Amino acid sequence: MTDDRPICVRCAERRQTCCQISEVYTTPGDVERIRRFSGREGFTEMRAPENPAYLPGDEDGAWSRYVFRSDGTRRVLQRRESGDCTFLGSQGCLLPLEVRPLVCRLYPYDYDESGFREELATGCPTELLRPGQSLIEALDMQLGDARRWHRQLYQELPMEEPRCASA
């Protein structure tokens, strides 16, 4: 018997999901879209990465140039004490797809400023895929949308406040 429920639902039954453990960077555009939709303020905070995987590296100069401030912090969605994203509800994300942060929309694509990498980011439970099914198919993602969101992300990164000079 095949389980036809969405892969994210099946993942959540087995382990914590990306919505429960990720440190979600938000562009200035993300913040504005979420604010307009939700009517909320104060859903982000400046925080240094807890997970070393989020530290800036040489692989994407735009992230080092724009995302991280001189004190090592960047703007991320607040998380509840449990670690859950502030917008995670009992049925998944409370934000419509076109309002979600761009990095959420792009996941599990792995990318840099020049484009998509061949391999997807790790983290999704590929063992839950049906035989012959790709992760992108299971998530019902469209490459055209991902390309558009990737362009939008790298257009919004330079909208960040200029970095403060180091003391």
C-alpha atoms as a PDB file:
ATOM      1  CA  MET A   1       0.000   0.000   0.000  1.00  0.00           C
ATOM      2  CA  THR A   2       1.386   3.365  -1.061  1.00  0.00           C
ATOM      3  CA  ASP A   3       1.236   6.344   1.290  1.00  0.00           C
ATOM      4  CA  ASP A   4      -0.042   9.219  -0.857  1.00  0.00           C
ATOM      5  CA  ARG A   5       0.305  11.905   1.785  1.00  0.00           C
ATOM      6  CA  PRO A   6       2.787  14.714   1.031  1.00  0.00           C
ATOM      7  CA  ILE A   7       6.398  13.865   1.809  1.00  0.00           C
ATOM      8  CA  CYS A   8       6.635  16.723   4.341  1.00  0.00           C
ATOM      9  CA  VAL A   9       3.773  15.212   6.362  1.00  0.00           C
ATOM     10  CA  ARG A  10       5.439  11.803   6.350  1.00  0.00           C
ATOM     11  CA  CYS A  11       8.783  13.388   7.283  1.00  0.00           C
ATOM     12  CA  ALA A  12       7.198  15.167  10.270  1.00  0.00           C
ATOM     13  CA  GLU A  13       5.982  11.826  11.606  1.00  0.00           C
ATOM     14  CA  ARG A  14       9.526  10.463  11.665  1.00  0.00           C
ATOM     15  CA  ARG A  15      11.723  13.374  12.772  1.00  0.00           C
ATOM     16  CA  GLN A  16      12.023  17.102  13.174  1.00  0.00           C
ATOM     17  CA  THR A  17      11.531  18.898   9.878  1.00  0.00           C
ATOM     18  CA  CYS A  18      13.366  21.813   8.300  1.00  0.00           C
ATOM     19  CA  CYS A  19      10.646  24.057   9.784  1.00  0.00           C
ATOM     20  CA  GLN A  20      11.683  22.923  13.255  1.00  0.00           C
ATOM     21  CA  ILE A  21      15.471  23.062  13.068  1.00  0.00           C
ATOM     22  CA  SER A  22      16.443  25.606  10.397  1.00  0.00           C
ATOM     23  CA  GLU A  23      17.768  29.092  11.041  1.00  0.00           C
ATOM     24  CA  VAL A  24      15.822  30.894   8.310  1.00  0.00           C
ATOM     25  CA  TYR A  25      17.494  33.995   6.888  1.00  0.00           C
ATOM     26  CA  THR A  26      15.016  36.623   5.679  1.00  0.00           C
ATOM     27  CA  THR A  27      15.736  39.260   3.053  1.00  0.00           C
ATOM     28  CA  PRO A  28      14.329  42.783   3.466  1.00  0.00           C
ATOM     29  CA  GLY A  29      11.786  41.812   0.790  1.00  0.00           C
ATOM     30  CA  ASP A  30      10.784  38.699   2.753  1.00  0.00           C
ATOM     31  CA  VAL A  31      10.210  40.801   5.851  1.00  0.00           C
ATOM     32  CA  GLU A  32       7.998  43.239   3.953  1.00  0.00           C
ATOM     33  CA  ARG A  33       5.949  40.484   2.268  1.00  0.00           C
ATOM     34  CA  ILE A  34       5.404  38.677   5.581  1.00  0.00           C
ATOM     35  CA  ARG A  35       4.549  41.917   7.407  1.00  0.00           C
ATOM     36  CA  ARG A  36       1.966  42.881   4.770  1.00  0.00           C
ATOM     37  CA  PHE A  37       0.372  39.420   4.790  1.00  0.00           C
ATOM     38  CA  SER A  38       0.402  38.744   8.530  1.00  0.00           C
ATOM     39  CA  GLY A  39       0.007  42.251   9.921  1.00  0.00           C
ATOM     40  CA  ARG A  40       2.736  41.294  12.401  1.00  0.00           C
ATOM     41  CA  GLU A  41       5.942  43.059  13.348  1.00  0.00           C
ATOM     42  CA  GLY A  42       8.892  41.704  15.272  1.00  0.00           C
ATOM     43  CA  PHE A  43       8.949  38.179  13.814  1.00  0.00           C
ATOM     44  CA  THR A  44      12.662  38.339  13.016  1.00  0.00           C
ATOM     45  CA  GLU A  45      15.758  38.811  15.110  1.00  0.00           C
ATOM     46  CA  MET A  46      19.452  39.394  14.539  1.00  0.00           C
ATOM     47  CA  ARG A  47      21.341  36.300  15.575  1.00  0.00           C
ATOM     48  CA  ALA A  48      24.668  34.612  14.945  1.00  0.00           C
ATOM     49  CA  PRO A  49      24.389  31.076  13.568  1.00  0.00           C
ATOM     50  CA  GLU A  50      24.009  28.335  16.161  1.00  0.00           C
ATOM     51  CA  ASN A  51      24.660  25.674  13.524  1.00  0.00           C
ATOM     52  CA  PRO A  52      28.133  25.922  11.920  1.00  0.00           C
ATOM     53  CA  ALA A  53      26.553  25.005   8.557  1.00  0.00           C
ATOM     54  CA  TYR A  54      25.124  28.542   8.456  1.00  0.00           C
ATOM     55  CA  LEU A  55      28.460  30.302   8.908  1.00  0.00           C
ATOM     56  CA  PRO A  56      29.563  32.362   5.910  1.00  0.00           C
ATOM     57  CA  GLY A  57      32.024  30.631   3.627  1.00  0.00           C
ATOM     58  CA  ASP A  58      33.917  31.336   0.465  1.00  0.00           C
ATOM     59  CA  GLU A  59      31.483  29.413  -1.730  1.00  0.00           C
ATOM     60  CA  ASP A  60      29.036  32.326  -2.115  1.00  0.00           C
ATOM     61  CA  GLY A  61      30.471  35.827  -1.915  1.00  0.00           C
ATOM     62  CA  ALA A  62      27.043  37.498  -1.944  1.00  0.00           C
ATOM     63  CA  TRP A  63      26.146  35.907   1.415  1.00  0.00           C
ATOM     64  CA  SER A  64      29.392  37.098   2.960  1.00  0.00           C
ATOM     65  CA  ARG A  65      28.992  40.579   1.455  1.00  0.00           C
ATOM     66  CA  TYR A  66      25.333  41.194   2.292  1.00  0.00           C
ATOM     67  CA  VAL A  67      23.795  38.750   4.751  1.00  0.00           C
ATOM     68  CA  PHE A  68      26.227  38.763   7.663  1.00  0.00           C
ATOM     69  CA  ARG A  69      26.847  41.889   9.693  1.00  0.00           C
ATOM     70  CA  SER A  70      30.271  42.754  11.063  1.00  0.00           C
ATOM     71  CA  ASP A  71      29.316  41.191  14.428  1.00  0.00           C
ATOM     72  CA  GLY A  72      28.511  37.858  12.710  1.00  0.00           C
ATOM     73  CA  THR A  73      24.736  38.149  13.018  1.00  0.00           C
ATOM     74  CA  ARG A  74      22.087  38.040  10.323  1.00  0.00           C
ATOM     75  CA  ARG A  75      18.305  38.493  10.240  1.00  0.00           C
ATOM     76  CA  VAL A  76      16.431  35.249  10.818  1.00  0.00           C
ATOM     77  CA  LEU A  77      12.874  34.254  11.608  1.00  0.00           C
ATOM     78  CA  GLN A  78      12.244  33.875  15.301  1.00  0.00           C
ATOM     79  CA  ARG A  79      11.792  30.371  16.595  1.00  0.00           C
ATOM     80  CA  ARG A  80       9.688  29.168  19.460  1.00  0.00           C
ATOM     81  CA  GLU A  81      11.340  27.647  22.526  1.00  0.00           C
ATOM     82  CA  SER A  82      10.781  24.226  20.923  1.00  0.00           C
ATOM     83  CA  GLY A  83      12.845  25.318  17.910  1.00  0.00           C
ATOM     84  CA  ASP A  84       9.798  25.503  15.625  1.00  0.00           C
ATOM     85  CA  CYS A  85       9.548  28.364  13.163  1.00  0.00           C
ATOM     86  CA  THR A  86       7.257  31.107  14.426  1.00  0.00           C
ATOM     87  CA  PHE A  87       5.050  30.495  11.353  1.00  0.00           C
ATOM     88  CA  LEU A  88       4.767  26.713  11.711  1.00  0.00           C
ATOM     89  CA  GLY A  89       1.208  25.612  12.406  1.00  0.00           C
ATOM     90  CA  SER A  90      -0.350  22.193  12.951  1.00  0.00           C
ATOM     91  CA  GLN A  91      -0.914  21.777   9.195  1.00  0.00           C
ATOM     92  CA  GLY A  92       2.453  23.185   8.083  1.00  0.00           C
ATOM     93  CA  CYS A  93       3.510  26.700   7.167  1.00  0.00           C
ATOM     94  CA  LEU A  94       0.960  29.410   7.934  1.00  0.00           C
ATOM     95  CA  LEU A  95       2.347  31.566   5.110  1.00  0.00           C
ATOM     96  CA  PRO A  96       1.246  31.135   1.483  1.00  0.00           C
ATOM     97  CA  LEU A  97       4.015  30.001  -0.847  1.00  0.00           C
ATOM     98  CA  GLU A  98       4.605  33.426  -2.431  1.00  0.00           C
ATOM     99  CA  VAL A  99       4.929  35.034   1.020  1.00  0.00           C
ATOM    100  CA  ARG A 100       7.364  32.518   2.561  1.00  0.00           C
ATOM    101  CA  PRO A 101      11.017  33.488   2.830  1.00  0.00           C
ATOM    102  CA  LEU A 102      12.832  32.870  -0.430  1.00  0.00           C
ATOM    103  CA  VAL A 103      15.251  30.408   1.171  1.00  0.00           C
ATOM    104  CA  CYS A 104      12.263  28.305   2.328  1.00  0.00           C
ATOM    105  CA  ARG A 105      10.765  28.314  -1.150  1.00  0.00           C
ATOM    106  CA  LEU A 106      14.077  27.233  -2.664  1.00  0.00           C
ATOM    107  CA  TYR A 107      14.785  24.388  -0.240  1.00  0.00           C
ATOM    108  CA  PRO A 108      16.035  21.680  -0.943  1.00  0.00           C
ATOM    109  CA  TYR A 109      17.785  23.196  -3.953  1.00  0.00           C
ATOM    110  CA  ASP A 110      21.417  23.950  -3.158  1.00  0.00           C
ATOM    111  CA  TYR A 111      22.658  27.088  -4.868  1.00  0.00           C
ATOM    112  CA  ASP A 112      25.046  29.988  -4.882  1.00  0.00           C
ATOM    113  CA  GLU A 113      25.146  33.317  -6.648  1.00  0.00           C
ATOM    114  CA  SER A 114      25.936  31.691 -10.018  1.00  0.00           C
ATOM    115  CA  GLY A 115      23.032  29.230  -9.938  1.00  0.00           C
ATOM    116  CA  PHE A 116      21.924  25.806  -8.783  1.00  0.00           C
ATOM    117  CA  ARG A 117      24.351  23.088  -7.797  1.00  0.00           C
ATOM    118  CA  GLU A 118      23.939  19.624  -9.255  1.00  0.00           C
ATOM    119  CA  GLU A 119      23.187  17.976  -5.910  1.00  0.00           C
ATOM    120  CA  LEU A 120      20.270  18.938  -3.687  1.00  0.00           C
ATOM    121  CA  ALA A 121      20.785  20.021  -0.093  1.00  0.00           C
ATOM    122  CA  THR A 122      20.698  17.196   2.375  1.00  0.00           C
ATOM    123  CA  GLY A 123      18.014  16.967   5.004  1.00  0.00           C
ATOM    124  CA  CYS A 124      14.921  15.673   3.256  1.00  0.00           C
ATOM    125  CA  PRO A 125      14.047  12.018   3.911  1.00  0.00           C
ATOM    126  CA  THR A 126      14.738  10.568   0.478  1.00  0.00           C
ATOM    127  CA  GLU A 127      14.031   7.098   1.883  1.00  0.00           C
ATOM    128  CA  LEU A 128      10.341   8.099   1.841  1.00  0.00           C
ATOM    129  CA  LEU A 129      10.312   8.615  -1.938  1.00  0.00           C
ATOM    130  CA  ARG A 130       8.323   6.216  -4.069  1.00  0.00           C
ATOM    131  CA  PRO A 131      10.377   4.049  -6.447  1.00  0.00           C
ATOM    132  CA  GLY A 132      11.548   6.172  -9.382  1.00  0.00           C
ATOM    133  CA  GLN A 133      10.336   9.426  -7.812  1.00  0.00           C
ATOM    134  CA  SER A 134      12.673  12.385  -7.418  1.00  0.00           C
ATOM    135  CA  LEU A 135      12.611  14.632  -4.371  1.00  0.00           C
ATOM    136  CA  ILE A 136      11.668  17.625  -6.526  1.00  0.00           C
ATOM    137  CA  GLU A 137       8.701  15.643  -7.933  1.00  0.00           C
ATOM    138  CA  ALA A 138       7.634  14.587  -4.438  1.00  0.00           C
ATOM    139  CA  LEU A 139       7.711  18.206  -3.288  1.00  0.00           C
ATOM    140  CA  ASP A 140       5.801  19.285  -6.429  1.00  0.00           C
ATOM    141  CA  MET A 141       8.420  21.954  -7.115  1.00  0.00           C
ATOM    142  CA  GLN A 142       8.761  23.594 -10.509  1.00  0.00           C
ATOM    143  CA  LEU A 143      12.236  24.473 -11.784  1.00  0.00           C
ATOM    144  CA  GLY A 144      10.901  27.661 -13.392  1.00  0.00           C
ATOM    145  CA  ASP A 145       9.620  28.872 -10.017  1.00  0.00           C
ATOM    146  CA  ALA A 146      12.918  27.968  -8.351  1.00  0.00           C
ATOM    147  CA  ARG A 147      14.868  29.941 -10.970  1.00  0.00           C
ATOM    148  CA  ARG A 148      12.600  32.951 -10.456  1.00  0.00           C
ATOM    149  CA  TRP A 149      12.990  32.770  -6.661  1.00  0.00           C
ATOM    150  CA  HIS A 150      16.762  32.387  -7.003  1.00  0.00           C
ATOM    151  CA  ARG A 151      16.943  35.569  -9.139  1.00  0.00           C
ATOM    152  CA  GLN A 152      14.699  37.363  -6.645  1.00  0.00           C
ATOM    153  CA  LEU A 153      16.845  36.256  -3.700  1.00  0.00           C
ATOM    154  CA  TYR A 154      20.036  37.603  -5.232  1.00  0.00           C
ATOM    155  CA  GLN A 155      18.268  40.833  -6.217  1.00  0.00           C
ATOM    156  CA  GLU A 156      17.086  41.314  -2.624  1.00  0.00           C
ATOM    157  CA  LEU A 157      20.397  40.528  -0.867  1.00  0.00           C
ATOM    158  CA  PRO A 158      21.930  43.926  -1.783  1.00  0.00           C
ATOM    159  CA  MET A 159      18.897  45.629  -0.174  1.00  0.00           C
ATOM    160  CA  GLU A 160      20.424  44.802   3.222  1.00  0.00           C
ATOM    161  CA  GLU A 161      21.594  47.647   5.428  1.00  0.00           C
ATOM    162  CA  PRO A 162      25.265  48.378   4.790  1.00  0.00           C
ATOM    163  CA  ARG A 163      27.564  46.464   7.110  1.00  0.00           C
ATOM    164  CA  CYS A 164      28.949  48.379  10.055  1.00  0.00           C
ATOM    165  CA  ALA A 165      32.684  48.913  10.024  1.00  0.00           C
ATOM    166  CA  SER A 166      34.619  46.758  12.466  1.00  0.00           C
ATOM    167  CA  ALA A 167      35.951  48.529  15.518  1.00  0.00           C
END
